[in-house]
Amino acid sequence: MSLEVQIKPELWTAIEQSYSSGNYTHAIQDAMSVVTDVLRDKSGLNGDGDTLVGQALGFSAHKPPRIKINKLQTVTERDMQKGLMLVLQGMYALVRNPRSHEKLDDSKDTADTIILFIDYLLGFLGLSQQSFTVQGFLDRVADPHFVPDVEYVQGLLDTVPTRKWGDTLIALYRNNNWKQADNFELVIGQLLSRLTEAEIDDFLTVVSEDLQKVDNVGSATLVIKILPDYLWPQIERMPRLRIEKMLIDELDTAWYDPETKRTNSPGSTWINRIAEHYLRKDQLRAAIIRKLGMEDFNHHNFVAQYFMRRGTLPRVFEDHQQIALCIVAIRSCVRSGNKFVKDQLVEYIRLSSPSEWDKAFAENLSDLTDPDNPEMFLPDGTPFLGRFVPRSSPAEEETEEEIPF
């Protein structure tokens, strides 16, 4: 009977090339590599040899083994656990290590005997109660009782074998959705901190390829949500240009209604996450200025809510000329009577650190400032506003005129 039909398919796949070519020593080494991989995957450890076996199957400080081959409730069950540990430690000492350190030439009969015994031992590990699977990990991230804090996430990540980090990261990225996006964002962020630069580059290559093909803003912004913003500049240039242009196109028609707290463009709200990293920041500046120049107040409100309120504007308008252009545009919105923009401006100044923006706003809105009864004082004591008069949006007035009576 051939060896192939006597052992597990996974084990045969691992040894087939060496065994079929007559390199029986290498086939034995391949079979022992399967043992190592199974121990690592099921224990979450990244050790090797005697140490790996002891940590995975042994009892430590009255704690149960990471890999349990049975319920460990009887003397016999505990003896079997200990016996498997001792046998596997012996397999590394007697079988694996000599073939790693010396040049041996095993016969087919020797290989068959050893590989059949390894297959027997793998049967115990295959029946173990603990094992790592990527899908099982994804299920734990999507668990409705997931605990959204770093301690819990680090505990989950400790169950992932080191060599599975890259595969797990890509699986997390591909399986996320808006319903559990916060969970995935937290886990991905913590997992990225464990990876090497090369592993991160491999992951971002996958992300870049996907962004070059996505055909809707929702898919693109979900990637932006779960990806730490500091990694955006490491996305390949062409996909970045494509997604940034897609978001600007959305921004052109985006509005925000303060009364209902609704926007027609959830996608473009994510621009502020990557705004400072825009490749064509001049196009983003132009889009913002266009919005601030529209008659409909709700276009101004979108900028106020998602760019001014979140402190994004100073990261987009950077030099004196750009800042002056933005301040003039906001001044026009305030002078037109847009109360929401005025309120967000006041709140922004109150919460931000003193800057040239404060002084420039005070100078540009001096005609709406009551020195004796200002709405607020700037950090340097300069009075600000106090004569603002709220008005309705011209778009609302046009709508009212169209209503027949």
Foldseek 3Di string as FASTA:
>chain_A
DDLCVLFDVVLCVQQVVCVVVQVLLVSLLSLVVVVVVLLCQQQLEADDALVSLCQQQHDDPNDHHSWQLDPPPDPVSNVVSVVLSVVRNVCCVPRNVVSVPDPDRDGPVVSSVSSSVSRVSVVSSVNTPTGDDLVVLLCQLVPPPNDPDDVSLVVSNSSGHPVCLLVSLLVLLVPDDPVSLSSSLSNNVVSVVVDDPVSVLVSLQVVLVVLVPDDDLRSVQSNLSSDQLVCLLVRDDVSLLVNVVRLLVLLLPWFADPVVRDIPPPSNLSCLRNQLVRPPLVSVLVSLLVQLPDLFVRSVLSCLVRCLLVVRVCSSQPDPVSLLSVLVSLLVSQQVQNVNSVVSNVVSQVPDDDDVSVVSNCVSCVVQWDQVAAPDAGPVRHGHGDNGHHDHGPVVVVVVVPDDD
